[in-house]
PDB file of all heavy atoms in Angstrom:
ATOM      1  N   LEU A   1      -0.834   3.099   9.264  1.00  0.00           N
ATOM      2  CA  LEU A   1      -0.011   1.903   9.421  1.00  0.00           C
ATOM      3  C   LEU A   1       0.842   2.107  10.667  1.00  0.00           C
ATOM      4  O   LEU A   1       1.590   3.088  10.747  1.00  0.00           O
ATOM      5  CB  LEU A   1       0.878   1.683   8.203  1.00  0.00           C
ATOM      6  CG  LEU A   1       0.162   1.423   6.865  1.00  0.00           C
ATOM      7  CD1 LEU A   1       1.143   1.502   5.709  1.00  0.00           C
ATOM      8  CD2 LEU A   1      -0.531   0.066   6.877  1.00  0.00           C
ATOM      9  N   THR A   2       0.721   1.226  11.646  1.00  0.00           N
ATOM     10  CA  THR A   2       1.508   1.369  12.875  1.00  0.00           C
ATOM     11  C   THR A   2       2.288   0.078  13.105  1.00  0.00           C
ATOM     12  O   THR A   2       1.711  -0.992  13.291  1.00  0.00           O
ATOM     13  CB  THR A   2       0.602   1.705  14.078  1.00  0.00           C
ATOM     14  OG1 THR A   2      -0.564   0.878  14.070  1.00  0.00           O
ATOM     15  CG2 THR A   2       0.172   3.167  14.012  1.00  0.00           C
ATOM     16  N   ILE A   3       3.608   0.221  13.068  1.00  0.00           N
ATOM     17  CA  ILE A   3       4.510  -0.927  13.124  1.00  0.00           C
ATOM     18  C   ILE A   3       5.111  -1.063  14.520  1.00  0.00           C
ATOM     19  O   ILE A   3       4.946  -0.184  15.374  1.00  0.00           O
ATOM     20  CB  ILE A   3       5.606  -0.806  12.048  1.00  0.00           C
ATOM     21  CG1 ILE A   3       6.417   0.475  12.266  1.00  0.00           C
ATOM     22  CG2 ILE A   3       4.981  -0.823  10.647  1.00  0.00           C
ATOM     23  CD1 ILE A   3       7.590   0.644  11.311  1.00  0.00           C
ATOM     24  N   SER A   4       5.832  -2.167  14.738  1.00  0.00           N
ATOM     25  CA  SER A   4       6.438  -2.417  16.050  1.00  0.00           C
ATOM     26  C   SER A   4       7.865  -2.908  15.884  1.00  0.00           C
ATOM     27  O   SER A   4       8.358  -3.062  14.756  1.00  0.00           O
ATOM     28  CB  SER A   4       5.622  -3.462  16.821  1.00  0.00           C
ATOM     29  OG  SER A   4       5.908  -4.769  16.342  1.00  0.00           O
ATOM     30  N   GLU A   5       8.504  -3.212  17.011  1.00  0.00           N
ATOM     31  CA  GLU A   5       9.879  -3.717  16.977  1.00  0.00           C
ATOM     32  C   GLU A   5       9.953  -5.106  16.341  1.00  0.00           C
ATOM     33  O   GLU A   5      11.040  -5.569  15.989  1.00  0.00           O
ATOM     34  CB  GLU A   5      10.491  -3.732  18.374  1.00  0.00           C
ATOM     35  CG  GLU A   5       9.760  -4.565  19.404  1.00  0.00           C
ATOM     36  CD  GLU A   5       8.624  -3.830  20.075  1.00  0.00           C
ATOM     37  OE1 GLU A   5       8.237  -2.728  19.606  1.00  0.00           O
ATOM     38  OE2 GLU A   5       8.108  -4.354  21.073  1.00  0.00           O
ATOM     39  N   GLU A   6       8.813  -5.766  16.176  1.00  0.00           N
ATOM     40  CA  GLU A   6       8.798  -7.073  15.521  1.00  0.00           C
ATOM     41  C   GLU A   6       8.685  -6.973  13.995  1.00  0.00           C
ATOM     42  O   GLU A   6       8.864  -7.958  13.287  1.00  0.00           O
ATOM     43  CB  GLU A   6       7.642  -7.925  16.066  1.00  0.00           C
ATOM     44  CG  GLU A   6       7.812  -8.323  17.526  1.00  0.00           C
ATOM     45  CD  GLU A   6       6.817  -9.388  17.959  1.00  0.00           C
ATOM     46  OE1 GLU A   6       5.966  -9.782  17.133  1.00  0.00           O
ATOM     47  OE2 GLU A   6       6.901  -9.831  19.118  1.00  0.00           O
ATOM     48  N   THR A   7       8.393  -5.781  13.492  1.00  0.00           N
ATOM     49  CA  THR A   7       8.265  -5.589  12.046  1.00  0.00           C
ATOM     50  C   THR A   7       9.640  -5.716  11.385  1.00  0.00           C
ATOM     51  O   THR A   7      10.640  -5.224  11.913  1.00  0.00           O
ATOM     52  CB  THR A   7       7.671  -4.201  11.737  1.00  0.00           C
ATOM     53  OG1 THR A   7       6.447  -4.039  12.465  1.00  0.00           O
ATOM     54  CG2 THR A   7       7.398  -4.039  10.248  1.00  0.00           C
ATOM     55  N   THR A   8       9.677  -6.359  10.221  1.00  0.00           N
ATOM     56  CA  THR A   8      10.950  -6.566   9.518  1.00  0.00           C
ATOM     57  C   THR A   8      11.078  -5.630   8.323  1.00  0.00           C
ATOM     58  O   THR A   8      10.088  -5.057   7.845  1.00  0.00           O
ATOM     59  CB  THR A   8      11.057  -8.017   9.012  1.00  0.00           C
ATOM     60  OG1 THR A   8      10.055  -8.235   7.999  1.00  0.00           O
ATOM     61  CG2 THR A   8      10.858  -9.012  10.148  1.00  0.00           C
ATOM     62  N   GLU A   9      12.297  -5.511   7.803  1.00  0.00           N
ATOM     63  CA  GLU A   9      12.528  -4.699   6.609  1.00  0.00           C
ATOM     64  C   GLU A   9      11.768  -5.272   5.413  1.00  0.00           C
ATOM     65  O   GLU A   9      11.241  -4.510   4.583  1.00  0.00           O
ATOM     66  CB  GLU A   9      14.033  -4.637   6.302  1.00  0.00           C
ATOM     67  CG  GLU A   9      14.839  -3.864   7.342  1.00  0.00           C
ATOM     68  CD  GLU A   9      16.318  -3.819   7.011  1.00  0.00           C
ATOM     69  OE1 GLU A   9      16.690  -4.218   5.879  1.00  0.00           O
ATOM     70  OE2 GLU A   9      17.106  -3.377   7.871  1.00  0.00           O
ATOM     71  N   GLU A  10      11.704  -6.588   5.323  1.00  0.00           N
ATOM     72  CA  GLU A  10      10.981  -7.231   4.224  1.00  0.00           C
ATOM     73  C   GLU A  10       9.490  -6.894   4.282  1.00  0.00           C
ATOM     74  O   GLU A  10       8.855  -6.658   3.239  1.00  0.00           O
ATOM     75  CB  GLU A  10      11.166  -8.757   4.291  1.00  0.00           C
ATOM     76  CG  GLU A  10      12.576  -9.247   3.990  1.00  0.00           C
ATOM     77  CD  GLU A  10      13.558  -8.992   5.135  1.00  0.00           C
ATOM     78  OE1 GLU A  10      13.112  -8.809   6.300  1.00  0.00           O
ATOM     79  OE2 GLU A  10      14.774  -8.967   4.859  1.00  0.00           O
ATOM     80  N   GLU A  11       8.955  -6.842   5.480  1.00  0.00           N
ATOM     81  CA  GLU A  11       7.535  -6.492   5.626  1.00  0.00           C
ATOM     82  C   GLU A  11       7.282  -5.043   5.223  1.00  0.00           C
ATOM     83  O   GLU A  11       6.241  -4.729   4.636  1.00  0.00           O
ATOM     84  CB  GLU A  11       7.086  -6.744   7.068  1.00  0.00           C
ATOM     85  CG  GLU A  11       6.958  -8.222   7.415  1.00  0.00           C
ATOM     86  CD  GLU A  11       6.610  -8.464   8.862  1.00  0.00           C
ATOM     87  OE1 GLU A  11       6.999  -7.647   9.730  1.00  0.00           O
ATOM     88  OE2 GLU A  11       5.950  -9.490   9.141  1.00  0.00           O
ATOM     89  N   ILE A  12       8.225  -4.158   5.530  1.00  0.00           N
ATOM     90  CA  ILE A  12       8.085  -2.754   5.123  1.00  0.00           C
ATOM     91  C   ILE A  12       8.029  -2.645   3.601  1.00  0.00           C
ATOM     92  O   ILE A  12       7.173  -1.940   3.030  1.00  0.00           O
ATOM     93  CB  ILE A  12       9.243  -1.898   5.680  1.00  0.00           C
ATOM     94  CG1 ILE A  12       9.168  -1.810   7.207  1.00  0.00           C
ATOM     95  CG2 ILE A  12       9.229  -0.494   5.054  1.00  0.00           C
ATOM     96  CD1 ILE A  12       7.951  -1.096   7.755  1.00  0.00           C
ATOM     97  N   GLU A  13       8.905  -3.364   2.910  1.00  0.00           N
ATOM     98  CA  GLU A  13       8.905  -3.323   1.442  1.00  0.00           C
ATOM     99  C   GLU A  13       7.601  -3.897   0.888  1.00  0.00           C
ATOM    100  O   GLU A  13       7.057  -3.382  -0.100  1.00  0.00           O
ATOM    101  CB  GLU A  13      10.113  -4.078   0.892  1.00  0.00           C
ATOM    102  CG  GLU A  13      11.461  -3.475   1.277  1.00  0.00           C
ATOM    103  CD  GLU A  13      11.580  -1.993   0.944  1.00  0.00           C
ATOM    104  OE1 GLU A  13      11.148  -1.596  -0.173  1.00  0.00           O
ATOM    105  OE2 GLU A  13      12.104  -1.230   1.781  1.00  0.00           O
ATOM    106  N   TYR A  14       7.108  -4.940   1.519  1.00  0.00           N
ATOM    107  CA  TYR A  14       5.830  -5.524   1.080  1.00  0.00           C
ATOM    108  C   TYR A  14       4.694  -4.524   1.291  1.00  0.00           C
ATOM    109  O   TYR A  14       3.806  -4.378   0.428  1.00  0.00           O
ATOM    110  CB  TYR A  14       5.546  -6.813   1.841  1.00  0.00           C
ATOM    111  CG  TYR A  14       4.266  -7.495   1.403  1.00  0.00           C
ATOM    112  CD1 TYR A  14       4.271  -8.399   0.342  1.00  0.00           C
ATOM    113  CD2 TYR A  14       3.057  -7.235   2.044  1.00  0.00           C
ATOM    114  CE1 TYR A  14       3.092  -9.027  -0.067  1.00  0.00           C
ATOM    115  CE2 TYR A  14       1.878  -7.847   1.640  1.00  0.00           C
ATOM    116  CZ  TYR A  14       1.902  -8.742   0.586  1.00  0.00           C
ATOM    117  OH  TYR A  14       0.728  -9.344   0.178  1.00  0.00           O
ATOM    118  N   LEU A  15       4.698  -3.840   2.433  1.00  0.00           N
ATOM    119  CA  LEU A  15       3.664  -2.845   2.710  1.00  0.00           C
ATOM    120  C   LEU A  15       3.660  -1.737   1.658  1.00  0.00           C
ATOM    121  O   LEU A  15       2.599  -1.331   1.170  1.00  0.00           O
ATOM    122  CB  LEU A  15       3.876  -2.234   4.106  1.00  0.00           C
ATOM    123  CG  LEU A  15       3.488  -3.084   5.322  1.00  0.00           C
ATOM    124  CD1 LEU A  15       3.965  -2.417   6.605  1.00  0.00           C
ATOM    125  CD2 LEU A  15       1.980  -3.307   5.358  1.00  0.00           C
ATOM    126  N   ILE A  16       4.846  -1.251   1.316  1.00  0.00           N
ATOM    127  CA  ILE A  16       4.947  -0.181   0.317  1.00  0.00           C
ATOM    128  C   ILE A  16       4.342  -0.639  -1.007  1.00  0.00           C
ATOM    129  O   ILE A  16       3.506   0.056  -1.606  1.00  0.00           O
ATOM    130  CB  ILE A  16       6.418   0.247   0.127  1.00  0.00           C
ATOM    131  CG1 ILE A  16       6.930   0.941   1.395  1.00  0.00           C
ATOM    132  CG2 ILE A  16       6.560   1.179  -1.083  1.00  0.00           C
ATOM    133  CD1 ILE A  16       8.432   1.178   1.411  1.00  0.00           C
ATOM    134  N   GLU A  17       4.738  -1.813  -1.448  1.00  0.00           N
ATOM    135  CA  GLU A  17       4.246  -2.333  -2.726  1.00  0.00           C
ATOM    136  C   GLU A  17       2.743  -2.592  -2.676  1.00  0.00           C
ATOM    137  O   GLU A  17       2.004  -2.282  -3.624  1.00  0.00           O
ATOM    138  CB  GLU A  17       4.989  -3.618  -3.087  1.00  0.00           C
ATOM    139  CG  GLU A  17       4.609  -4.179  -4.453  1.00  0.00           C
ATOM    140  CD  GLU A  17       5.397  -5.424  -4.822  1.00  0.00           C
ATOM    141  OE1 GLU A  17       6.412  -5.712  -4.145  1.00  0.00           O
ATOM    142  OE2 GLU A  17       5.004  -6.112  -5.786  1.00  0.00           O
ATOM    143  N   ALA A  18       2.269  -3.147  -1.565  1.00  0.00           N
ATOM    144  CA  ALA A  18       0.847  -3.462  -1.431  1.00  0.00           C
ATOM    145  C   ALA A  18      -0.007  -2.197  -1.470  1.00  0.00           C
ATOM    146  O   ALA A  18      -1.056  -2.165  -2.140  1.00  0.00           O
ATOM    147  CB  ALA A  18       0.600  -4.227  -0.132  1.00  0.00           C
ATOM    148  N   VAL A  19       0.422  -1.160  -0.766  1.00  0.00           N
ATOM    149  CA  VAL A  19      -0.347   0.090  -0.749  1.00  0.00           C
ATOM    150  C   VAL A  19      -0.295   0.766  -2.115  1.00  0.00           C
ATOM    151  O   VAL A  19      -1.319   1.252  -2.626  1.00  0.00           O
ATOM    152  CB  VAL A  19       0.169   1.041   0.356  1.00  0.00           C
ATOM    153  CG1 VAL A  19      -0.554   2.387   0.275  1.00  0.00           C
ATOM    154  CG2 VAL A  19      -0.026   0.418   1.738  1.00  0.00           C
ATOM    155  N   GLN A  20       0.871   0.806  -2.738  1.00  0.00           N
ATOM    156  CA  GLN A  20       0.990   1.408  -4.072  1.00  0.00           C
ATOM    157  C   GLN A  20       0.063   0.717  -5.063  1.00  0.00           C
ATOM    158  O   GLN A  20      -0.651   1.368  -5.820  1.00  0.00           O
ATOM    159  CB  GLN A  20       2.438   1.342  -4.551  1.00  0.00           C
ATOM    160  CG  GLN A  20       3.384   2.276  -3.805  1.00  0.00           C
ATOM    161  CD  GLN A  20       4.836   2.120  -4.249  1.00  0.00           C
ATOM    162  OE1 GLN A  20       5.204   1.124  -4.867  1.00  0.00           O
ATOM    163  NE2 GLN A  20       5.670   3.097  -3.905  1.00  0.00           N
ATOM    164  N   ASP A  21       0.060  -0.611  -5.043  1.00  0.00           N
ATOM    165  CA  ASP A  21      -0.797  -1.368  -5.965  1.00  0.00           C
ATOM    166  C   ASP A  21      -2.277  -1.133  -5.671  1.00  0.00           C
ATOM    167  O   ASP A  21      -3.087  -0.970  -6.601  1.00  0.00           O
ATOM    168  CB  ASP A  21      -0.485  -2.867  -5.855  1.00  0.00           C
ATOM    169  CG  ASP A  21       0.866  -3.231  -6.452  1.00  0.00           C
ATOM    170  OD1 ASP A  21       1.463  -2.372  -7.131  1.00  0.00           O
ATOM    171  OD2 ASP A  21       1.326  -4.371  -6.216  1.00  0.00           O
ATOM    172  N   ALA A  22      -2.640  -1.133  -4.408  1.00  0.00           N
ATOM    173  CA  ALA A  22      -4.042  -0.967  -4.030  1.00  0.00           C
ATOM    174  C   ALA A  22      -4.558   0.421  -4.402  1.00  0.00           C
ATOM    175  O   ALA A  22      -5.678   0.555  -4.929  1.00  0.00           O
ATOM    176  CB  ALA A  22      -4.212  -1.214  -2.527  1.00  0.00           C
ATOM    177  N   VAL A  23      -3.767   1.445  -4.135  1.00  0.00           N
ATOM    178  CA  VAL A  23      -4.176   2.810  -4.489  1.00  0.00           C
ATOM    179  C   VAL A  23      -4.334   2.936  -6.005  1.00  0.00           C
ATOM    180  O   VAL A  23      -5.314   3.512  -6.504  1.00  0.00           O
ATOM    181  CB  VAL A  23      -3.164   3.846  -3.947  1.00  0.00           C
ATOM    182  CG1 VAL A  23      -3.458   5.239  -4.519  1.00  0.00           C
ATOM    183  CG2 VAL A  23      -3.206   3.882  -2.423  1.00  0.00           C
ATOM    184  N   SER A  24      -3.380   2.399  -6.750  1.00  0.00           N
ATOM    185  CA  SER A  24      -3.449   2.452  -8.213  1.00  0.00           C
ATOM    186  C   SER A  24      -4.696   1.744  -8.729  1.00  0.00           C
ATOM    187  O   SER A  24      -5.394   2.253  -9.621  1.00  0.00           O
ATOM    188  CB  SER A  24      -2.186   1.813  -8.803  1.00  0.00           C
ATOM    189  OG  SER A  24      -2.236   1.828 -10.210  1.00  0.00           O
ATOM    190  N   TYR A  25      -5.000   0.581  -8.184  1.00  0.00           N
ATOM    191  CA  TYR A  25      -6.171  -0.185  -8.617  1.00  0.00           C
ATOM    192  C   TYR A  25      -7.466   0.578  -8.323  1.00  0.00           C
ATOM    193  O   TYR A  25      -8.363   0.676  -9.179  1.00  0.00           O
ATOM    194  CB  TYR A  25      -6.181  -1.541  -7.927  1.00  0.00           C
ATOM    195  CG  TYR A  25      -7.410  -2.364  -8.224  1.00  0.00           C
ATOM    196  CD1 TYR A  25      -7.550  -3.015  -9.448  1.00  0.00           C
ATOM    197  CD2 TYR A  25      -8.430  -2.483  -7.279  1.00  0.00           C
ATOM    198  CE1 TYR A  25      -8.691  -3.771  -9.735  1.00  0.00           C
ATOM    199  CE2 TYR A  25      -9.567  -3.228  -7.553  1.00  0.00           C
ATOM    200  CZ  TYR A  25      -9.690  -3.868  -8.778  1.00  0.00           C
ATOM    201  OH  TYR A  25     -10.824  -4.603  -9.049  1.00  0.00           O
ATOM    202  N   LEU A  26      -7.588   1.120  -7.124  1.00  0.00           N
ATOM    203  CA  LEU A  26      -8.805   1.836  -6.748  1.00  0.00           C
ATOM    204  C   LEU A  26      -8.997   3.087  -7.602  1.00  0.00           C
ATOM    205  O   LEU A  26     -10.130   3.408  -8.005  1.00  0.00           O
ATOM    206  CB  LEU A  26      -8.763   2.213  -5.263  1.00  0.00           C
ATOM    207  CG  LEU A  26      -8.911   1.054  -4.276  1.00  0.00           C
ATOM    208  CD1 LEU A  26      -8.632   1.520  -2.851  1.00  0.00           C
ATOM    209  CD2 LEU A  26     -10.308   0.447  -4.366  1.00  0.00           C
ATOM    210  N   ARG A  27      -7.910   3.777  -7.890  1.00  0.00           N
ATOM    211  CA  ARG A  27      -8.014   4.968  -8.728  1.00  0.00           C
ATOM    212  C   ARG A  27      -8.405   4.618 -10.161  1.00  0.00           C
ATOM    213  O   ARG A  27      -9.105   5.384 -10.830  1.00  0.00           O
ATOM    214  CB  ARG A  27      -6.689   5.728  -8.706  1.00  0.00           C
ATOM    215  CG  ARG A  27      -6.455   6.519  -7.416  1.00  0.00           C
ATOM    216  CD  ARG A  27      -5.085   7.140  -7.369  1.00  0.00           C
ATOM    217  NE  ARG A  27      -4.938   8.067  -6.231  1.00  0.00           N
ATOM    218  CZ  ARG A  27      -3.804   8.655  -5.898  1.00  0.00           C
ATOM    219  NH1 ARG A  27      -2.686   8.409  -6.586  1.00  0.00           N
ATOM    220  NH2 ARG A  27      -3.766   9.484  -4.860  1.00  0.00           N
ATOM    221  N   SER A  28      -7.978   3.438 -10.622  1.00  0.00           N
ATOM    222  CA  SER A  28      -8.261   3.051 -12.009  1.00  0.00           C
ATOM    223  C   SER A  28      -9.752   2.885 -12.279  1.00  0.00           C
ATOM    224  O   SER A  28     -10.185   2.957 -13.435  1.00  0.00           O
ATOM    225  CB  SER A  28      -7.532   1.742 -12.345  1.00  0.00           C
ATOM    226  OG  SER A  28      -8.139   0.636 -11.682  1.00  0.00           O
ATOM    227  N   MET A  29     -10.545   2.647 -11.244  1.00  0.00           N
ATOM    228  CA  MET A  29     -11.981   2.475 -11.455  1.00  0.00           C
ATOM    229  C   MET A  29     -12.804   3.536 -10.720  1.00  0.00           C
ATOM    230  O   MET A  29     -14.003   3.373 -10.521  1.00  0.00           O
ATOM    231  CB  MET A  29     -12.409   1.071 -11.008  1.00  0.00           C
ATOM    232  CG  MET A  29     -12.110   0.740  -9.573  1.00  0.00           C
ATOM    233  SD  MET A  29     -12.605  -0.957  -9.200  1.00  0.00           S
ATOM    234  CE  MET A  29     -12.413  -0.966  -7.418  1.00  0.00           C
ATOM    235  N   SER A  30     -12.155   4.626 -10.328  1.00  0.00           N
ATOM    236  CA  SER A  30     -12.843   5.684  -9.587  1.00  0.00           C
ATOM    237  C   SER A  30     -13.271   6.831 -10.507  1.00  0.00           C
ATOM    238  O   SER A  30     -12.418   7.464 -11.145  1.00  0.00           O
ATOM    239  CB  SER A  30     -11.927   6.239  -8.487  1.00  0.00           C
ATOM    240  OG  SER A  30     -12.424   7.444  -7.975  1.00  0.00           O
ATOM    241  N   PRO A  31     -14.568   7.130 -10.608  1.00  0.00           N
ATOM    242  CA  PRO A  31     -15.002   8.279 -11.408  1.00  0.00           C
ATOM    243  C   PRO A  31     -14.486   9.601 -10.841  1.00  0.00           C
ATOM    244  O   PRO A  31     -14.242  10.546 -11.585  1.00  0.00           O
ATOM    245  CB  PRO A  31     -16.537   8.195 -11.340  1.00  0.00           C
ATOM    246  CG  PRO A  31     -16.847   7.332 -10.167  1.00  0.00           C
ATOM    247  CD  PRO A  31     -15.699   6.394 -10.022  1.00  0.00           C
ATOM    248  N   VAL A  32     -14.310   9.649  -9.525  1.00  0.00           N
ATOM    249  CA  VAL A  32     -13.760  10.855  -8.899  1.00  0.00           C
ATOM    250  C   VAL A  32     -12.336  11.088  -9.400  1.00  0.00           C
ATOM    251  O   VAL A  32     -11.960  12.216  -9.758  1.00  0.00           O
ATOM    252  CB  VAL A  32     -13.769  10.716  -7.357  1.00  0.00           C
ATOM    253  CG1 VAL A  32     -13.027  11.897  -6.715  1.00  0.00           C
ATOM    254  CG2 VAL A  32     -15.189  10.632  -6.840  1.00  0.00           C
ATOM    255  N   TRP A  33     -11.545  10.011  -9.440  1.00  0.00           N
ATOM    256  CA  TRP A  33     -10.167  10.139  -9.908  1.00  0.00           C
ATOM    257  C   TRP A  33     -10.116  10.528 -11.383  1.00  0.00           C
ATOM    258  O   TRP A  33      -9.277  11.338 -11.791  1.00  0.00           O
ATOM    259  CB  TRP A  33      -9.412   8.836  -9.671  1.00  0.00           C
ATOM    260  CG  TRP A  33      -7.970   8.887 -10.063  1.00  0.00           C
ATOM    261  CD1 TRP A  33      -7.369   8.268 -11.117  1.00  0.00           C
ATOM    262  CD2 TRP A  33      -6.933   9.648  -9.419  1.00  0.00           C
ATOM    263  NE1 TRP A  33      -6.041   8.569 -11.170  1.00  0.00           N
ATOM    264  CE2 TRP A  33      -5.738   9.421 -10.132  1.00  0.00           C
ATOM    265  CE3 TRP A  33      -6.901  10.487  -8.303  1.00  0.00           C
ATOM    266  CZ2 TRP A  33      -4.535   9.997  -9.775  1.00  0.00           C
ATOM    267  CZ3 TRP A  33      -5.696  11.062  -7.943  1.00  0.00           C
ATOM    268  CH2 TRP A  33      -4.534  10.820  -8.666  1.00  0.00           C
ATOM    269  N   ARG A  34     -11.039   9.984 -12.198  1.00  0.00           N
ATOM    270  CA  ARG A  34     -11.079  10.335 -13.626  1.00  0.00           C
ATOM    271  C   ARG A  34     -11.346  11.824 -13.806  1.00  0.00           C
ATOM    272  O   ARG A  34     -10.734  12.483 -14.646  1.00  0.00           O
ATOM    273  CB  ARG A  34     -12.156   9.513 -14.343  1.00  0.00           C
ATOM    274  CG  ARG A  34     -11.724   8.101 -14.693  1.00  0.00           C
ATOM    275  CD  ARG A  34     -12.606   7.492 -15.779  1.00  0.00           C
ATOM    276  NE  ARG A  34     -13.983   7.349 -15.337  1.00  0.00           N
ATOM    277  CZ  ARG A  34     -14.448   6.274 -14.681  1.00  0.00           C
ATOM    278  NH1 ARG A  34     -13.628   5.266 -14.398  1.00  0.00           N
ATOM    279  NH2 ARG A  34     -15.718   6.201 -14.325  1.00  0.00           N
TER     280      ARG A  34
END
């Protein structure tokens, strides 16, 4: 993830939540993770 001076604090919080949710979802159906 590479941000710039145009990135906002709200976007950072959205990025954190989006990545956390995506990683959790992918792990939930991954046989490797199981």
